[in-house]
Amino acid sequence: MHWTEEQKKAIDTYKSLDDIPVEERRYKCHTCHHIVDEMPCPACGEANIEVMCPVDHCHCPHDIVESLAYCPLCGAPICPECGSHDVSQISRITGYLSDVTGWNAAKQQELKDRAHYDIG
């Protein structure tokens, strides 16, 4: 992963999203897709917005990557090529593909801990 200097500083400064001072936090609105500095979202009024990881840059130009990396700050899956947190993670379970966002925390951790092999 090729982190920018700003991303490296955030990884070194904070151990979790809770460590980010309130006045430095940015928020990601999944309703109107804006990045905002306050809650509720001033663009659409959505109150259910999340603290944005300072490592995230919000735009992944890659359609499909074979594996995911995980953010060292917030633990979210990221694109291993650009570091964006805006990725959909799927897994093949008993013959079908499933979006893992609905999985509970334990099942998602199990997915992170799996051994990955390149048989190409």
N, C-alpha and C. Protein backbone atom coordinates (compact mmCIF):
# COMPACT_ATOMS: atom_id res chain seq x y z
N MET A 1 0.85 -1.17 0.00
CA MET A 1 0.00 0.00 0.00
C MET A 1 0.90 1.23 0.00
N HIS A 2 0.57 2.19 -0.83
CA HIS A 2 1.34 3.43 -0.94
C HIS A 2 0.54 4.55 -0.27
N TRP A 3 0.83 4.82 1.01
CA TRP A 3 0.12 5.85 1.75
C TRP A 3 0.71 7.22 1.46
N THR A 4 -0.15 8.24 1.43
CA THR A 4 0.34 9.62 1.32
C THR A 4 0.92 10.02 2.68
N GLU A 5 1.66 11.11 2.72
CA GLU A 5 2.22 11.58 3.99
C GLU A 5 1.11 11.90 4.98
N GLU A 6 0.01 12.47 4.50
CA GLU A 6 -1.13 12.79 5.38
C GLU A 6 -1.74 11.51 5.97
N GLN A 7 -1.88 10.48 5.14
CA GLN A 7 -2.42 9.21 5.62
C GLN A 7 -1.48 8.57 6.64
N LYS A 8 -0.16 8.59 6.37
CA LYS A 8 0.82 8.03 7.31
C LYS A 8 0.75 8.74 8.66
N LYS A 9 0.60 10.07 8.62
CA LYS A 9 0.52 10.84 9.86
C LYS A 9 -0.71 10.43 10.66
N ALA A 10 -1.85 10.24 10.00
CA ALA A 10 -3.07 9.83 10.69
C ALA A 10 -2.91 8.45 11.31
N ILE A 11 -2.29 7.53 10.58
CA ILE A 11 -2.07 6.17 11.10
C ILE A 11 -1.17 6.20 12.33
N ASP A 12 -0.14 7.06 12.30
CA ASP A 12 0.78 7.17 13.43
C ASP A 12 0.17 7.92 14.61
N THR A 13 -0.72 8.87 14.34
CA THR A 13 -1.28 9.73 15.39
C THR A 13 -2.42 9.07 16.15
N TYR A 14 -3.33 8.39 15.44
CA TYR A 14 -4.53 7.85 16.06
C TYR A 14 -4.47 6.32 16.09
N LYS A 15 -4.99 5.75 17.15
CA LYS A 15 -5.08 4.29 17.24
C LYS A 15 -6.47 3.79 16.86
N SER A 16 -7.47 4.67 16.91
CA SER A 16 -8.83 4.32 16.50
C SER A 16 -9.56 5.61 16.14
N LEU A 17 -10.73 5.47 15.54
CA LEU A 17 -11.51 6.65 15.16
C LEU A 17 -11.95 7.45 16.38
N ASP A 18 -12.12 6.78 17.52
CA ASP A 18 -12.52 7.46 18.75
C ASP A 18 -11.44 8.42 19.25
N ASP A 19 -10.19 8.21 18.84
CA ASP A 19 -9.09 9.08 19.27
C ASP A 19 -9.05 10.41 18.52
N ILE A 20 -9.80 10.52 17.44
CA ILE A 20 -9.80 11.76 16.65
C ILE A 20 -10.61 12.81 17.41
N PRO A 21 -10.00 13.97 17.73
CA PRO A 21 -10.74 15.01 18.45
C PRO A 21 -11.98 15.44 17.65
N VAL A 22 -13.05 15.75 18.35
CA VAL A 22 -14.32 16.10 17.71
C VAL A 22 -14.14 17.22 16.69
N GLU A 23 -13.33 18.21 17.03
CA GLU A 23 -13.15 19.35 16.12
C GLU A 23 -12.37 18.99 14.85
N GLU A 24 -11.71 17.84 14.83
CA GLU A 24 -10.97 17.41 13.64
C GLU A 24 -11.71 16.35 12.83
N ARG A 25 -12.84 15.88 13.32
CA ARG A 25 -13.57 14.80 12.65
C ARG A 25 -14.28 15.28 11.40
N ARG A 26 -14.31 14.38 10.42
CA ARG A 26 -15.13 14.57 9.23
C ARG A 26 -16.08 13.40 9.20
N TYR A 27 -17.20 13.57 8.50
CA TYR A 27 -18.25 12.56 8.49
C TYR A 27 -18.61 12.21 7.06
N LYS A 28 -18.98 10.95 6.88
CA LYS A 28 -19.37 10.46 5.56
C LYS A 28 -20.87 10.20 5.58
N CYS A 29 -21.62 10.88 4.70
CA CYS A 29 -23.06 10.70 4.61
C CYS A 29 -23.36 9.70 3.49
N HIS A 30 -23.98 8.58 3.85
CA HIS A 30 -24.29 7.56 2.86
C HIS A 30 -25.62 7.83 2.16
N THR A 31 -26.32 8.89 2.57
CA THR A 31 -27.57 9.26 1.91
C THR A 31 -27.30 10.13 0.69
N CYS A 32 -26.53 11.21 0.88
CA CYS A 32 -26.26 12.12 -0.24
C CYS A 32 -24.82 12.02 -0.75
N HIS A 33 -24.01 11.17 -0.11
CA HIS A 33 -22.63 10.90 -0.53
C HIS A 33 -21.71 12.11 -0.41
N HIS A 34 -21.99 12.99 0.54
CA HIS A 34 -21.11 14.12 0.81
C HIS A 34 -20.19 13.80 1.99
N ILE A 35 -19.06 14.46 2.00
CA ILE A 35 -18.15 14.43 3.14
C ILE A 35 -18.35 15.78 3.83
N VAL A 36 -18.72 15.74 5.12
CA VAL A 36 -19.08 16.97 5.82
C VAL A 36 -18.32 17.07 7.14
N ASP A 37 -18.31 18.27 7.72
CA ASP A 37 -17.58 18.53 8.95
C ASP A 37 -18.47 18.54 10.19
N GLU A 38 -19.76 18.31 10.03
CA GLU A 38 -20.66 18.37 11.18
C GLU A 38 -21.81 17.39 11.01
N MET A 39 -22.47 17.08 12.13
CA MET A 39 -23.66 16.25 12.11
C MET A 39 -24.81 17.07 12.66
N PRO A 40 -26.01 16.89 12.17
CA PRO A 40 -26.39 16.07 11.01
C PRO A 40 -25.83 16.66 9.72
N CYS A 41 -25.96 15.90 8.65
CA CYS A 41 -25.42 16.33 7.36
C CYS A 41 -26.09 17.64 6.94
N PRO A 42 -25.29 18.70 6.73
CA PRO A 42 -25.89 19.97 6.31
C PRO A 42 -26.45 19.94 4.88
N ALA A 43 -26.04 18.98 4.08
CA ALA A 43 -26.53 18.90 2.70
C ALA A 43 -27.92 18.29 2.61
N CYS A 44 -28.17 17.22 3.41
CA CYS A 44 -29.47 16.54 3.28
C CYS A 44 -30.22 16.38 4.60
N GLY A 45 -29.55 16.69 5.72
CA GLY A 45 -30.20 16.59 7.02
C GLY A 45 -30.10 15.22 7.67
N GLU A 46 -29.46 14.26 7.02
CA GLU A 46 -29.33 12.91 7.58
C GLU A 46 -28.58 12.97 8.90
N ALA A 47 -29.16 12.38 9.95
CA ALA A 47 -28.54 12.39 11.26
C ALA A 47 -27.67 11.15 11.48
N ASN A 48 -27.93 10.09 10.73
CA ASN A 48 -27.20 8.84 10.90
C ASN A 48 -26.00 8.80 9.96
N ILE A 49 -24.95 9.56 10.31
CA ILE A 49 -23.73 9.57 9.49
C ILE A 49 -22.58 9.08 10.37
N GLU A 50 -21.53 8.59 9.73
CA GLU A 50 -20.44 7.98 10.48
C GLU A 50 -19.17 8.82 10.41
N VAL A 51 -18.37 8.70 11.45
CA VAL A 51 -17.06 9.36 11.45
C VAL A 51 -16.25 8.77 10.32
N MET A 52 -15.66 9.63 9.54
CA MET A 52 -14.87 9.18 8.39
C MET A 52 -13.44 8.91 8.82
N CYS A 53 -12.91 7.80 8.41
CA CYS A 53 -11.52 7.47 8.69
C CYS A 53 -10.63 8.46 7.92
N PRO A 54 -9.64 9.08 8.57
CA PRO A 54 -8.79 10.04 7.85
C PRO A 54 -7.91 9.40 6.79
N VAL A 55 -7.83 8.08 6.76
CA VAL A 55 -7.05 7.39 5.73
C VAL A 55 -7.87 7.23 4.45
N ASP A 56 -9.19 7.26 4.57
CA ASP A 56 -10.10 7.06 3.43
C ASP A 56 -10.05 8.28 2.50
N HIS A 57 -10.06 8.02 1.20
CA HIS A 57 -10.13 9.13 0.25
C HIS A 57 -11.39 9.05 -0.61
N CYS A 58 -12.25 8.09 -0.38
CA CYS A 58 -13.62 8.02 -0.89
C CYS A 58 -13.84 7.69 -2.35
N HIS A 59 -12.86 7.53 -3.14
CA HIS A 59 -13.14 7.18 -4.53
C HIS A 59 -12.17 6.09 -4.98
N CYS A 60 -12.71 4.95 -5.31
CA CYS A 60 -11.90 3.85 -5.82
C CYS A 60 -12.21 3.68 -7.30
N PRO A 61 -11.22 3.87 -8.16
CA PRO A 61 -11.45 3.71 -9.59
C PRO A 61 -11.40 2.26 -10.07
N HIS A 62 -11.11 1.33 -9.17
CA HIS A 62 -10.95 -0.08 -9.55
C HIS A 62 -12.28 -0.80 -9.44
N ASP A 63 -12.67 -1.51 -10.49
CA ASP A 63 -13.93 -2.24 -10.48
C ASP A 63 -13.87 -3.47 -9.59
N ILE A 64 -12.88 -4.31 -9.82
CA ILE A 64 -12.77 -5.56 -9.08
C ILE A 64 -11.30 -5.79 -8.76
N VAL A 65 -11.03 -6.11 -7.51
CA VAL A 65 -9.69 -6.53 -7.11
C VAL A 65 -9.84 -7.92 -6.48
N GLU A 66 -8.80 -8.73 -6.59
CA GLU A 66 -8.90 -10.11 -6.15
C GLU A 66 -8.91 -10.27 -4.64
N SER A 67 -8.29 -9.37 -3.93
CA SER A 67 -8.27 -9.48 -2.47
C SER A 67 -8.36 -8.08 -1.89
N LEU A 68 -8.67 -8.00 -0.60
CA LEU A 68 -8.76 -6.71 0.07
C LEU A 68 -7.70 -6.63 1.14
N ALA A 69 -7.32 -5.41 1.43
CA ALA A 69 -6.46 -5.14 2.58
C ALA A 69 -7.38 -4.56 3.65
N TYR A 70 -6.84 -4.32 4.82
CA TYR A 70 -7.64 -3.75 5.90
C TYR A 70 -6.93 -2.52 6.44
N CYS A 71 -7.69 -1.47 6.71
CA CYS A 71 -7.17 -0.21 7.18
C CYS A 71 -6.49 -0.40 8.54
N PRO A 72 -5.25 0.06 8.69
CA PRO A 72 -4.57 -0.09 9.98
C PRO A 72 -5.15 0.79 11.08
N LEU A 73 -5.95 1.79 10.71
CA LEU A 73 -6.53 2.68 11.71
C LEU A 73 -7.91 2.23 12.16
N CYS A 74 -8.83 1.99 11.20
CA CYS A 74 -10.21 1.66 11.59
C CYS A 74 -10.57 0.20 11.36
N GLY A 75 -9.73 -0.56 10.64
CA GLY A 75 -9.99 -1.97 10.41
C GLY A 75 -10.94 -2.28 9.27
N ALA A 76 -11.44 -1.26 8.58
CA ALA A 76 -12.38 -1.47 7.48
C ALA A 76 -11.65 -2.07 6.28
N PRO A 77 -12.38 -2.84 5.45
CA PRO A 77 -11.75 -3.32 4.22
C PRO A 77 -11.45 -2.15 3.29
N ILE A 78 -10.30 -2.21 2.63
CA ILE A 78 -9.88 -1.14 1.71
C ILE A 78 -9.38 -1.75 0.41
N CYS A 79 -9.39 -0.96 -0.63
CA CYS A 79 -8.82 -1.37 -1.90
C CYS A 79 -7.30 -1.45 -1.72
N PRO A 80 -6.66 -2.59 -2.02
CA PRO A 80 -5.21 -2.71 -1.83
C PRO A 80 -4.41 -1.89 -2.83
N GLU A 81 -5.07 -1.40 -3.86
CA GLU A 81 -4.35 -0.62 -4.87
C GLU A 81 -4.36 0.87 -4.57
N CYS A 82 -5.48 1.40 -4.01
CA CYS A 82 -5.56 2.85 -3.79
C CYS A 82 -5.90 3.24 -2.36
N GLY A 83 -6.30 2.31 -1.52
CA GLY A 83 -6.59 2.61 -0.12
C GLY A 83 -7.99 3.12 0.16
N SER A 84 -8.83 3.23 -0.86
CA SER A 84 -10.20 3.72 -0.65
C SER A 84 -10.99 2.75 0.22
N HIS A 85 -11.83 3.32 1.11
CA HIS A 85 -12.70 2.51 1.95
C HIS A 85 -14.03 2.21 1.24
N ASP A 86 -14.28 2.84 0.12
CA ASP A 86 -15.54 2.63 -0.61
C ASP A 86 -15.43 1.40 -1.49
N VAL A 87 -15.42 0.25 -0.85
CA VAL A 87 -15.36 -1.02 -1.55
C VAL A 87 -16.49 -1.90 -1.04
N SER A 88 -16.95 -2.78 -1.89
CA SER A 88 -17.91 -3.80 -1.47
C SER A 88 -17.14 -5.10 -1.38
N GLN A 89 -17.24 -5.72 -0.24
CA GLN A 89 -16.53 -6.97 -0.03
C GLN A 89 -17.53 -8.11 -0.17
N ILE A 90 -17.19 -9.07 -1.02
CA ILE A 90 -18.04 -10.23 -1.19
C ILE A 90 -17.23 -11.48 -0.92
N SER A 91 -17.92 -12.54 -0.60
CA SER A 91 -17.26 -13.81 -0.34
C SER A 91 -18.08 -14.91 -0.98
N ARG A 92 -17.41 -15.95 -1.46
CA ARG A 92 -18.10 -17.08 -2.05
C ARG A 92 -18.29 -18.12 -0.95
N ILE A 93 -19.52 -18.35 -0.60
CA ILE A 93 -19.87 -19.31 0.44
C ILE A 93 -20.79 -20.35 -0.17
N THR A 94 -20.43 -21.58 -0.06
CA THR A 94 -21.19 -22.72 -0.58
C THR A 94 -21.77 -22.46 -1.97
N GLY A 95 -20.94 -21.90 -2.84
CA GLY A 95 -21.32 -21.80 -4.24
C GLY A 95 -22.01 -20.51 -4.66
N TYR A 96 -22.26 -19.57 -3.75
CA TYR A 96 -22.87 -18.31 -4.19
C TYR A 96 -22.11 -17.14 -3.58
N LEU A 97 -22.23 -15.96 -4.21
CA LEU A 97 -21.55 -14.77 -3.73
C LEU A 97 -22.47 -14.01 -2.79
N SER A 98 -21.89 -13.46 -1.74
CA SER A 98 -22.67 -12.76 -0.73
C SER A 98 -21.94 -11.50 -0.30
N ASP A 99 -22.67 -10.38 -0.19
CA ASP A 99 -22.12 -9.14 0.34
C ASP A 99 -21.94 -9.33 1.84
N VAL A 100 -20.75 -9.03 2.35
CA VAL A 100 -20.46 -9.33 3.75
C VAL A 100 -20.83 -8.20 4.71
N THR A 101 -21.37 -7.10 4.20
CA THR A 101 -21.72 -5.99 5.10
C THR A 101 -22.80 -6.38 6.09
N GLY A 102 -23.61 -7.36 5.79
CA GLY A 102 -24.65 -7.79 6.71
C GLY A 102 -24.18 -8.81 7.74
N TRP A 103 -22.94 -9.23 7.64
CA TRP A 103 -22.41 -10.22 8.58
C TRP A 103 -22.14 -9.56 9.93
N ASN A 104 -22.26 -10.35 11.00
CA ASN A 104 -21.93 -9.81 12.32
C ASN A 104 -20.41 -9.65 12.45
N ALA A 105 -19.97 -8.96 13.52
CA ALA A 105 -18.56 -8.64 13.69
C ALA A 105 -17.68 -9.90 13.77
N ALA A 106 -18.17 -10.94 14.43
CA ALA A 106 -17.38 -12.16 14.56
C ALA A 106 -17.16 -12.83 13.21
N LYS A 107 -18.20 -12.88 12.39
CA LYS A 107 -18.09 -13.50 11.07
C LYS A 107 -17.17 -12.67 10.17
N GLN A 108 -17.25 -11.34 10.26
CA GLN A 108 -16.37 -10.49 9.47
C GLN A 108 -14.91 -10.68 9.91
N GLN A 109 -14.67 -10.83 11.22
CA GLN A 109 -13.31 -11.08 11.69
C GLN A 109 -12.79 -12.42 11.19
N GLU A 110 -13.67 -13.42 11.16
CA GLU A 110 -13.30 -14.73 10.63
C GLU A 110 -12.84 -14.60 9.18
N LEU A 111 -13.54 -13.77 8.40
CA LEU A 111 -13.16 -13.55 7.00
C LEU A 111 -11.78 -12.89 6.93
N LYS A 112 -11.51 -11.91 7.79
CA LYS A 112 -10.20 -11.23 7.79
C LYS A 112 -9.08 -12.22 8.14
N ASP A 113 -9.38 -13.18 9.03
CA ASP A 113 -8.35 -14.10 9.52
C ASP A 113 -8.08 -15.27 8.58
N ARG A 114 -8.89 -15.46 7.56
CA ARG A 114 -8.70 -16.59 6.65
C ARG A 114 -7.38 -16.49 5.91
N ALA A 115 -6.79 -17.63 5.65
CA ALA A 115 -5.58 -17.69 4.83
C ALA A 115 -5.99 -17.48 3.37
N HIS A 116 -5.21 -16.70 2.64
CA HIS A 116 -5.49 -16.42 1.24
C HIS A 116 -4.38 -17.01 0.40
N TYR A 117 -4.75 -17.66 -0.69
CA TYR A 117 -3.80 -18.32 -1.56
C TYR A 117 -3.94 -17.81 -2.97
N ASP A 118 -2.83 -17.71 -3.66
CA ASP A 118 -2.82 -17.35 -5.09
C ASP A 118 -2.43 -18.60 -5.84
N ILE A 119 -3.39 -19.18 -6.57
CA ILE A 119 -3.11 -20.42 -7.28
C ILE A 119 -2.90 -20.19 -8.78
N GLY A 120 -2.67 -18.94 -9.14
CA GLY A 120 -2.52 -18.55 -10.53
C GLY A 120 -1.23 -18.89 -11.05
